Protein backbone atom coordinates (compact mmCIF):
# COMPACT_ATOMS: atom_id res chain seq x y z
CA MET A 1 0.13 -0.11 0.25
CA LEU A 2 1.08 3.55 -0.71
CA ALA A 3 1.05 5.69 2.38
CA PRO A 4 -1.14 9.03 2.68
CA MET A 5 1.73 11.54 3.04
CA GLU A 6 0.26 15.18 3.20
CA GLY A 7 2.01 17.36 0.78
CA VAL A 8 3.54 14.83 -1.19
CA VAL A 9 1.42 11.90 -2.52
CA ASP A 10 -1.24 13.92 -4.49
CA ALA A 11 -3.17 12.20 -7.12
CA GLN A 12 -0.37 12.73 -9.83
CA MET A 13 2.15 11.39 -7.62
CA ARG A 14 -0.25 8.10 -7.20
CA THR A 15 -0.56 8.07 -11.15
CA VAL A 16 2.94 7.77 -11.40
CA LEU A 17 4.13 5.28 -8.61
CA THR A 18 1.19 2.86 -9.43
CA HIS A 19 2.05 2.83 -13.28
CA ILE A 20 5.62 1.48 -11.87
CA GLY A 21 3.54 -1.16 -10.31
CA GLY A 22 3.63 -2.91 -7.11
CA TYR A 23 0.98 -1.45 -5.44
CA ASP A 24 -2.47 -2.98 -4.37
CA ARG A 25 -3.85 0.30 -2.70
CA CYS A 26 -3.31 3.84 -2.43
CA VAL A 27 -4.66 6.32 0.49
CA THR A 28 -5.18 9.93 -0.03
CA GLU A 29 -4.02 12.73 2.17
CA PHE A 30 -6.45 13.56 5.03
CA VAL A 31 -9.45 15.42 4.57
CA ARG A 32 -9.95 17.49 7.40
CA VAL A 33 -13.22 17.14 9.16
CA THR A 34 -14.62 19.74 11.55
CA GLU A 35 -18.00 20.44 12.67
CA GLN A 36 -19.49 21.15 8.96
CA LEU A 37 -20.68 19.16 5.99
CA ILE A 38 -17.74 18.81 3.38
CA PRO A 39 -19.02 19.72 -0.03
CA ASP A 40 -18.14 17.08 -2.66
CA HIS A 41 -15.49 19.29 -4.71
CA VAL A 42 -13.47 19.01 -1.89
CA PHE A 43 -13.27 15.43 -1.91
CA PHE A 44 -12.50 15.14 -5.52
CA ARG A 45 -9.79 17.60 -4.85
CA TYR A 46 -8.20 15.02 -2.59
CA SER A 47 -9.06 12.23 -4.89
CA ALA A 48 -9.37 13.18 -8.50
CA GLU A 49 -9.54 9.43 -8.82
CA LEU A 50 -13.52 9.55 -7.81
CA HIS A 51 -13.99 10.49 -11.17
CA GLU A 52 -12.75 7.30 -12.64
CA GLY A 53 -14.40 4.93 -9.94
CA GLY A 54 -11.91 5.63 -7.33
CA LEU A 55 -9.10 3.88 -9.22
CA THR A 56 -5.76 5.45 -10.54
CA PRO A 57 -5.16 5.01 -14.16
CA SER A 58 -3.34 1.74 -13.67
CA GLY A 59 -6.51 0.72 -11.87
CA THR A 60 -5.30 0.79 -8.40
CA PRO A 61 -7.84 1.53 -5.70
CA VAL A 62 -7.70 4.71 -3.66
CA PHE A 63 -9.24 5.21 -0.34
CA VAL A 64 -10.30 8.60 0.88
CA GLN A 65 -8.84 9.30 4.17
CA LEU A 66 -10.65 11.32 6.96
CA LEU A 67 -9.30 12.94 9.75
CA GLY A 68 -11.40 14.69 12.98
CA GLY A 69 -12.00 14.45 16.47
CA SER A 70 -16.04 14.56 16.32
CA SER A 71 -17.63 11.04 15.90
CA LYS A 72 -20.89 12.74 14.79
CA TYR A 73 -19.29 14.89 12.07
CA MET A 74 -16.70 11.93 11.04
CA GLY A 75 -20.02 9.95 10.53
CA LEU A 76 -22.14 12.54 8.78
CA ASN A 77 -19.02 13.28 6.13
CA ALA A 78 -18.43 9.77 5.74
CA ALA A 79 -21.95 9.02 4.75
CA ARG A 80 -21.43 12.10 2.27
CA LEU A 81 -18.24 10.74 0.99
CA ALA A 82 -19.72 7.11 0.32
CA LYS A 83 -22.23 8.59 -1.93
CA LEU A 84 -19.24 9.42 -4.49
CA GLU A 85 -18.48 5.59 -4.26
CA PRO A 86 -15.00 5.43 -2.95
CA PRO A 87 -13.28 2.18 -2.98
CA GLY A 88 -12.72 2.59 0.89
CA ILE A 89 -12.73 5.16 3.72
CA ASP A 90 -9.56 5.44 5.97
CA ILE A 91 -9.45 6.92 9.49
CA ASN A 92 -6.43 9.12 10.32
CA PHE A 93 -5.30 8.43 14.10
CA GLY A 94 -1.68 8.69 13.44
CA CYS A 95 -0.76 12.29 12.15
CA PRO A 96 2.05 13.81 14.35
CA SER A 97 1.54 17.30 13.51
CA LYS A 98 1.25 19.84 16.34
CA THR A 99 -1.36 21.97 14.46
CA VAL A 100 -3.36 18.80 13.72
CA ASN A 101 -3.09 17.42 17.27
CA LYS A 102 -4.11 21.00 18.94
CA SER A 103 -7.59 21.06 16.80
CA ASP A 104 -8.36 17.48 18.08
CA GLY A 105 -7.12 15.15 15.29
CA GLY A 106 -4.61 12.75 14.62
CA SER A 107 -2.48 10.89 16.99
CA VAL A 108 -3.61 12.88 20.13
CA LEU A 109 -6.91 10.94 19.89
CA LEU A 110 -4.47 8.02 20.67
CA ARG A 111 -4.59 9.02 24.32
CA GLU A 112 -8.40 8.24 24.46
CA PRO A 113 -8.91 4.88 23.30
CA ARG A 114 -12.63 4.94 23.60
CA ARG A 115 -13.07 8.23 21.44
CA VAL A 116 -10.80 6.39 18.71
CA GLY A 117 -13.66 3.29 19.12
CA ASP A 118 -16.67 6.10 18.81
CA ILE A 119 -15.34 7.57 15.67
CA VAL A 120 -14.32 4.16 13.95
CA LYS A 121 -17.68 2.95 14.64
CA ALA A 122 -19.69 6.30 13.86
CA VAL A 123 -18.09 5.95 10.28
CA ARG A 124 -18.55 2.07 9.90
CA ASP A 125 -22.25 2.60 10.90
CA ALA A 126 -22.52 5.45 8.34
CA VAL A 127 -21.66 3.58 5.31
CA ASP A 128 -22.92 0.63 3.27
CA PRO A 129 -20.92 -2.64 4.67
CA ALA A 130 -20.03 -3.21 1.07
CA ILE A 131 -17.66 -0.02 1.89
CA PRO A 132 -14.52 -1.05 3.80
CA VAL A 133 -13.42 1.20 6.59
CA THR A 134 -10.14 1.16 7.65
CA ALA A 135 -7.87 2.94 10.05
CA LYS A 136 -4.42 4.06 10.76
CA ILE A 137 -2.62 4.54 14.20
CA ARG A 138 0.70 5.20 15.59
CA LEU A 139 2.29 2.85 18.56
CA GLY A 140 0.66 5.66 20.96
CA PHE A 141 1.05 9.22 21.70
CA SER A 142 4.04 9.42 24.10
CA ASN A 143 4.36 5.59 24.38
CA SER A 144 2.87 2.23 23.68
CA ASP A 145 1.13 1.52 26.97
CA LEU A 146 -2.37 2.26 25.32
CA LEU A 147 -1.77 0.23 22.08
CA HIS A 148 -3.59 -2.90 22.83
CA GLU A 149 -6.61 -0.97 24.32
CA VAL A 150 -6.66 1.35 21.12
CA VAL A 151 -6.47 -1.84 18.75
CA GLU A 152 -9.40 -3.43 20.45
CA GLN A 153 -11.48 -0.41 20.16
CA VAL A 154 -10.72 -0.22 16.67
CA VAL A 155 -11.47 -3.89 15.94
CA THR A 156 -14.51 -3.78 18.32
CA ALA A 157 -15.81 -0.79 16.31
CA GLY A 158 -15.95 -2.78 13.21
CA ALA A 159 -13.13 -1.50 11.10
CA ASN A 160 -12.08 -3.95 8.32
CA GLU A 161 -8.46 -3.43 8.64
CA LEU A 162 -6.09 -1.41 10.76
CA ALA A 163 -2.62 -0.07 9.67
CA ILE A 164 0.08 0.42 12.36
CA HIS A 165 3.07 3.05 12.06
CA ALA A 166 5.64 1.45 14.42
CA ARG A 167 6.40 4.86 16.07
CA THR A 168 4.75 7.16 18.76
CA LYS A 169 3.73 10.45 18.22
CA GLU A 170 6.59 11.98 19.86
CA ASP A 171 9.05 9.61 17.85
CA ARG A 172 7.80 11.45 14.91
CA TYR A 173 9.94 10.04 11.93
CA LYS A 174 12.97 9.44 13.81
CA PRO A 175 14.47 5.90 13.33
CA PRO A 176 14.22 3.10 14.04
CA ALA A 177 10.48 1.99 13.80
CA TYR A 178 9.59 -0.62 16.45
CA TRP A 179 8.02 -3.48 14.41
CA SER A 180 8.51 -6.00 17.29
CA LEU A 181 5.91 -4.24 19.35
CA VAL A 182 3.17 -5.08 16.77
CA LYS A 183 3.75 -8.58 17.36
CA GLY A 184 1.74 -8.84 20.26
CA ILE A 185 -1.34 -7.48 18.28
CA SER A 186 -0.90 -9.36 15.36
CA ASP A 187 -1.22 -12.74 17.13
CA THR A 188 -4.58 -11.86 18.69
CA VAL A 189 -6.82 -9.55 16.33
CA ASP A 190 -8.51 -11.43 13.47
CA ILE A 191 -8.78 -8.29 10.88
CA PRO A 192 -5.84 -7.90 8.47
CA LEU A 193 -2.79 -5.68 9.70
CA THR A 194 -0.30 -3.62 8.12
CA ILE A 195 2.95 -2.38 9.20
CA ASN A 196 4.26 1.07 8.23
CA GLY A 197 7.60 2.85 9.35
CA GLU A 198 11.13 2.75 8.07
CA ILE A 199 10.83 0.48 5.18
CA TRP A 200 13.26 1.38 2.81
CA SER A 201 14.38 -1.57 0.95
CA VAL A 202 13.05 -5.05 0.24
CA ASN A 203 15.13 -6.50 3.24
CA ASP A 204 13.46 -3.93 5.34
CA ALA A 205 10.11 -5.00 4.04
CA ARG A 206 10.78 -8.72 4.86
CA ARG A 207 12.21 -8.02 8.38
CA ALA A 208 9.01 -5.30 9.05
CA LEU A 209 6.59 -8.39 8.23
CA SER A 210 8.64 -11.13 10.08
CA GLU A 211 8.89 -8.88 13.24
CA SER A 212 5.52 -7.53 13.54
CA GLY A 213 3.54 -10.42 12.35
CA CYS A 214 1.47 -8.48 9.89
CA SER A 215 0.42 -9.37 6.82
CA ASP A 216 0.57 -6.38 4.78
CA LEU A 217 3.06 -3.36 4.02
CA MET A 218 2.54 0.29 3.76
CA LEU A 219 5.16 2.40 2.14
CA GLY A 220 5.93 6.10 2.71
CA ARG A 221 9.14 7.62 2.33
CA GLY A 222 10.61 4.51 1.15
CA ALA A 223 8.59 4.99 -1.81
CA LEU A 224 10.00 8.30 -2.78
CA SER A 225 13.54 7.14 -2.37
CA PHE A 226 13.12 3.69 -4.25
CA PRO A 227 10.03 4.40 -6.66
CA ASP A 228 10.60 0.79 -7.98
CA LEU A 229 10.38 -0.56 -4.04
CA ALA A 230 6.95 -2.04 -4.21
CA ARG A 231 7.37 -4.09 -7.63
CA GLN A 232 10.51 -5.19 -6.19
CA ILE A 233 8.89 -6.51 -2.67
CA GLN A 234 6.10 -7.90 -4.89
CA ARG A 235 8.91 -9.41 -7.27
CA GLN A 236 7.27 -8.36 -10.34
CA GLY A 237 10.43 -7.12 -11.94
CA SER A 238 13.83 -8.93 -12.21
CA ALA A 239 15.90 -5.65 -12.47
CA GLU A 240 15.68 -2.11 -10.64
CA LEU A 241 14.92 0.85 -12.53
CA GLY A 242 18.22 2.66 -13.16
CA TRP A 243 19.05 6.11 -12.52
CA LEU A 244 18.05 7.81 -15.73
CA GLU A 245 14.69 5.70 -15.77
CA VAL A 246 13.89 7.32 -12.54
CA LEU A 247 15.20 10.80 -13.73
CA SER A 248 12.96 10.61 -16.63
CA ILE A 249 9.82 9.49 -14.45
CA VAL A 250 10.55 12.51 -11.87
CA ALA A 251 10.82 14.90 -15.05
CA SER A 252 7.56 13.71 -16.57
CA TYR A 253 6.00 14.30 -13.39
CA LEU A 254 7.05 17.93 -12.78
CA ARG A 255 5.96 18.69 -16.40
CA ASN A 256 2.67 17.13 -15.94
CA SER A 257 2.40 19.14 -12.59
CA ASN A 258 3.86 22.43 -13.83
CA PRO A 259 0.60 24.70 -13.84
CA LYS A 260 0.15 24.02 -10.01
CA HIS A 261 2.27 26.91 -8.59
CA PRO A 262 5.26 29.13 -10.05
CA LEU A 263 7.67 27.45 -7.52
CA PHE A 264 6.01 23.85 -7.74
CA VAL A 265 8.56 22.26 -9.73
CA SER A 266 11.59 23.91 -8.04
CA GLY A 267 10.30 22.65 -4.59
CA ARG A 268 8.94 19.41 -5.53
CA ALA A 269 11.98 18.57 -7.51
CA LYS A 270 14.42 19.23 -4.66
CA GLN A 271 11.95 17.19 -2.36
CA TRP A 272 12.00 14.18 -4.41
CA LEU A 273 15.87 14.38 -5.08
CA GLY A 274 16.44 14.57 -1.30
CA PHE A 275 14.43 11.29 -1.21
CA LEU A 276 16.22 9.69 -3.97
CA GLN A 277 19.64 10.16 -3.00
CA MET A 278 19.13 7.89 -0.41
CA HIS A 279 19.30 5.20 -3.13
CA TYR A 280 20.40 6.81 -6.07
CA PRO A 281 23.74 8.89 -5.36
CA GLN A 282 23.38 10.47 -8.69
CA ALA A 283 20.43 12.40 -7.23
CA GLY A 284 22.66 14.12 -4.61
CA CYS A 285 24.80 15.51 -6.99
CA LEU A 286 21.92 16.74 -9.12
CA PHE A 287 20.46 18.18 -6.02
CA HIS A 288 23.14 20.44 -5.37
CA LYS A 289 23.34 21.47 -8.86
CA ILE A 290 19.71 22.82 -8.75
CA LYS A 291 19.37 23.72 -4.78
CA ARG A 292 19.57 27.76 -5.60
CA LEU A 293 17.15 27.50 -8.79
CA LYS A 294 13.92 28.53 -8.50
CA GLU A 295 12.43 28.69 -12.10
CA ALA A 296 10.62 25.64 -13.81
CA GLY A 297 12.91 26.38 -17.04
CA ALA A 298 16.04 26.32 -15.11
CA ILE A 299 15.29 23.10 -13.48
CA PHE A 300 14.35 21.29 -16.63
CA GLN A 301 17.46 22.54 -18.47
CA ALA A 302 19.36 20.94 -15.43
CA PHE A 303 17.83 17.68 -16.10
CA ASP A 304 18.33 17.88 -19.68
CA VAL A 305 22.08 18.54 -18.77
CA GLU A 306 22.17 15.30 -16.58
CA PHE A 307 20.36 13.22 -19.38
CA ASP A 308 23.15 14.55 -22.15
CA GLY A 309 26.03 13.81 -19.79
CA ARG A 310 25.10 10.22 -19.14
């Protein structure tokens, strides 16, 4: 599964990564739920795939993620979303952002397992049983003391699946991820569990599954550093994508996304190259060549020079 990374994995990125292959599902960036009803155009903004049956052009289902602390309005908005026929609805209990947490959303709710259960139940009860309802959590807020209770609430409330980011809110994204702490959960629950966190390679994927006891994987930053990672895990390809193949994919993505914002190409190019340098050393060299550039034309010119030089 491709993780819902805010400000990174939009519909165009999902198109690119699922085209490479290996993904069975994507999840959108979270749609913030407050005490109001969300208009349809907002759901379509977060999941353009809703126009195409909730699928990427490669046919990969995209679940729409909701985030909020009000079980009433989470249920009401889930019902509205369900009318658009998404392949599934996911609930975010993992976001570590201080702003989100102060607004009663994300991982702060992990301190109150009963509320987590109430929100899951409200969403589950609000939509047709044919629509899967899934949840994503962390190990806890500051520690994992309430993990078993949170999971019990999620399962009892009727969630179809649960993804666990194997860090606490206070850990944020610092390594390591504590996959083994999930093992006690996977041995006792009867819904599919997905492990997430610090999966950067095929070997990491195997270890995460083994140590956690989970049946499925969710890739986040690893998907950006190694765009072929999901396919390699699935063993659908015999050889990894080469650097110039990856660079061509990045360039195509940037060109297709160009109209978004004057500085989008510059910002996203540097962001993605920053991830790619973990797997492709050439990306680090290119990053240093463009790090002071702002105009899209200059970025693409630097890319052309990279292609010509290799």
